[in-house]
Amino acid sequence: MKRATASLTFRRRIRVLFVLILLSFLVLVLRLTYIIFWWYPYYEYKRNPPPPADSGIVYTVKNGDYLFAISKRFQVPLKSVIRLNDIKNPDLIHPGDKIRIPEPLPAYPNEEIIVALESPANFWKGVKTVWEKHVVASQSSE
């Protein structure tokens, strides 16, 4: 009788181990899916924004200005300012230089969800955002 009970508990242990391995694999697949389809394209978009469009605004550089401050003042990425004006050395601008200001980048789809899901601390905030944007909004439109 003892041998049958021991065999049964061994089978349970194997089954529990198998379930844990399966759950670990599922978590890994979900995490990789998130990285491949959401996180990576978002950061590629932020790292290499599309070619900037000229907004028609021309800024004259004043004494003490630098490109980073100018880009923040107009709320456009620094890379876009550099690319639009074809600036070779971003550290070297002179008072009186004319700098064209690009159009602000269009918002990346679901950016707040991607940012919220980045850290475990904000995970439930991201889940709540997804729920409110997609599930609740689709139910209210019906």
Protein backbone atom coordinates (compact mmCIF):
# COMPACT_ATOMS: atom_id res chain seq x y z
CA MET A 1 0.00 0.00 0.00
CA LYS A 2 2.87 2.36 0.77
CA ARG A 3 4.39 1.83 -2.64
CA ALA A 4 1.12 2.83 -4.40
CA THR A 5 0.87 6.02 -2.31
CA ALA A 6 4.50 6.88 -2.97
CA SER A 7 3.99 6.33 -6.68
CA LEU A 8 0.91 8.54 -6.61
CA THR A 9 2.72 11.40 -4.90
CA PHE A 10 5.60 11.03 -7.35
CA ARG A 11 3.13 11.34 -10.24
CA ARG A 12 1.60 14.43 -8.60
CA ARG A 13 5.02 15.97 -8.24
CA ILE A 14 5.78 15.32 -11.89
CA ARG A 15 2.42 16.79 -12.88
CA VAL A 16 2.99 19.93 -10.74
CA LEU A 17 6.49 20.29 -12.19
CA PHE A 18 5.08 19.95 -15.70
CA VAL A 19 2.43 22.62 -14.99
CA LEU A 20 5.08 24.98 -13.61
CA ILE A 21 7.26 24.48 -16.67
CA LEU A 22 4.28 25.13 -18.93
CA LEU A 23 3.38 28.32 -17.04
CA SER A 24 6.98 29.52 -17.20
CA PHE A 25 7.03 28.89 -20.93
CA LEU A 26 3.75 30.78 -21.35
CA VAL A 27 5.11 33.77 -19.43
CA LEU A 28 8.25 33.72 -21.58
CA VAL A 29 6.20 33.63 -24.79
CA LEU A 30 3.99 36.51 -23.63
CA ARG A 31 7.00 38.60 -22.64
CA LEU A 32 8.73 37.97 -25.97
CA THR A 33 5.52 38.83 -27.82
CA TYR A 34 5.31 42.12 -25.93
CA ILE A 35 8.94 42.95 -26.69
CA ILE A 36 8.75 42.04 -30.38
CA PHE A 37 5.40 43.57 -31.28
CA TRP A 38 5.07 46.56 -28.94
CA TRP A 39 8.24 47.59 -27.15
CA TYR A 40 10.84 47.22 -29.90
CA PRO A 41 8.92 49.07 -32.67
CA TYR A 42 8.09 51.87 -30.22
CA TYR A 43 11.71 52.43 -29.22
CA GLU A 44 12.89 52.15 -32.82
CA TYR A 45 10.36 54.86 -33.67
CA LYS A 46 11.64 57.03 -30.81
CA ARG A 47 15.30 56.35 -31.65
CA ASN A 48 14.92 56.92 -35.40
CA PRO A 49 11.95 59.18 -35.98
CA PRO A 50 10.59 59.63 -39.50
CA PRO A 51 12.09 62.43 -41.60
CA PRO A 52 10.91 65.74 -40.15
CA ALA A 53 8.48 67.98 -41.99
CA ASP A 54 9.17 71.71 -42.00
CA SER A 55 6.62 73.63 -39.93
CA GLY A 56 7.52 76.97 -41.47
CA ILE A 57 8.86 78.37 -38.19
CA VAL A 58 12.36 79.84 -38.41
CA TYR A 59 14.14 80.54 -35.14
CA THR A 60 17.06 82.95 -34.89
CA VAL A 61 19.70 81.71 -32.46
CA LYS A 62 20.43 84.10 -29.60
CA ASN A 63 23.51 84.32 -27.41
CA GLY A 64 23.53 81.40 -24.94
CA ASP A 65 21.09 79.22 -26.94
CA TYR A 66 21.86 75.60 -27.66
CA LEU A 67 19.98 73.06 -29.77
CA PHE A 68 18.65 70.95 -26.92
CA ALA A 69 16.99 73.98 -25.28
CA ILE A 70 15.57 75.12 -28.62
CA SER A 71 14.12 71.68 -29.34
CA LYS A 72 12.56 71.53 -25.85
CA ARG A 73 11.12 75.05 -26.25
CA PHE A 74 9.29 73.99 -29.41
CA GLN A 75 8.59 70.45 -28.09
CA VAL A 76 10.24 68.62 -30.96
CA PRO A 77 12.94 65.92 -30.85
CA LEU A 78 16.52 67.15 -31.04
CA LYS A 79 17.29 64.63 -33.80
CA SER A 80 14.52 66.13 -35.94
CA VAL A 81 15.98 69.64 -35.60
CA ILE A 82 19.45 68.36 -36.50
CA ARG A 83 18.19 66.34 -39.49
CA LEU A 84 15.97 69.12 -40.88
CA ASN A 85 18.75 71.72 -40.74
CA ASP A 86 21.49 69.29 -41.82
CA ILE A 87 23.68 70.30 -38.88
CA LYS A 88 27.05 68.54 -38.87
CA ASN A 89 28.13 69.53 -35.35
CA PRO A 90 25.16 70.05 -32.97
CA ASP A 91 27.48 71.56 -30.34
CA LEU A 92 28.46 74.40 -32.64
CA ILE A 93 25.77 76.98 -33.39
CA HIS A 94 26.29 80.73 -33.47
CA PRO A 95 24.09 83.70 -32.52
CA GLY A 96 22.24 84.89 -35.60
CA ASP A 97 22.01 81.43 -37.20
CA LYS A 98 18.58 80.64 -38.64
CA ILE A 99 17.19 77.28 -37.55
CA ARG A 100 14.08 75.78 -39.11
CA ILE A 101 11.78 74.10 -36.60
CA PRO A 102 10.19 70.79 -37.68
CA GLU A 103 6.62 69.70 -37.12
CA PRO A 104 6.12 67.78 -33.85
CA LEU A 105 6.16 64.00 -34.27
CA PRO A 106 2.76 62.33 -34.49
CA ALA A 107 1.83 60.40 -31.38
CA TYR A 108 2.81 56.75 -31.45
CA PRO A 109 -0.26 54.46 -31.20
CA ASN A 110 -0.82 53.11 -27.69
CA GLU A 111 2.27 54.92 -26.34
CA GLU A 112 0.86 55.26 -22.83
CA ILE A 113 0.19 51.51 -22.69
CA ILE A 114 3.74 50.64 -23.77
CA VAL A 115 5.26 53.02 -21.24
CA ALA A 116 2.95 51.75 -18.48
CA LEU A 117 3.77 48.09 -19.16
CA GLU A 118 7.53 48.71 -19.07
CA SER A 119 7.98 48.30 -15.34
CA PRO A 120 6.32 45.81 -13.02
CA ALA A 121 5.25 48.69 -10.77
CA ASN A 122 3.10 50.14 -13.56
CA PHE A 123 1.88 46.84 -15.00
CA TRP A 124 -1.63 47.02 -13.54
CA LYS A 125 -1.91 50.66 -14.62
CA GLY A 126 -1.14 49.50 -18.16
CA VAL A 127 -3.69 46.70 -17.95
CA LYS A 128 -6.29 49.19 -16.68
CA THR A 129 -5.47 51.57 -19.54
CA VAL A 130 -5.85 48.77 -22.09
CA TRP A 131 -9.14 47.78 -20.50
CA GLU A 132 -10.52 51.33 -20.51
CA LYS A 133 -9.34 52.20 -24.02
CA HIS A 134 -10.36 49.05 -25.81
CA VAL A 135 -12.94 47.07 -23.86
CA VAL A 136 -14.99 49.79 -22.17
CA ALA A 137 -14.82 52.09 -25.22
CA SER A 138 -16.04 49.32 -27.54
CA GLN A 139 -18.91 48.46 -25.18
CA SER A 140 -20.04 52.09 -24.91
CA SER A 141 -20.05 52.52 -28.70
CA GLU A 142 -22.44 49.57 -29.20
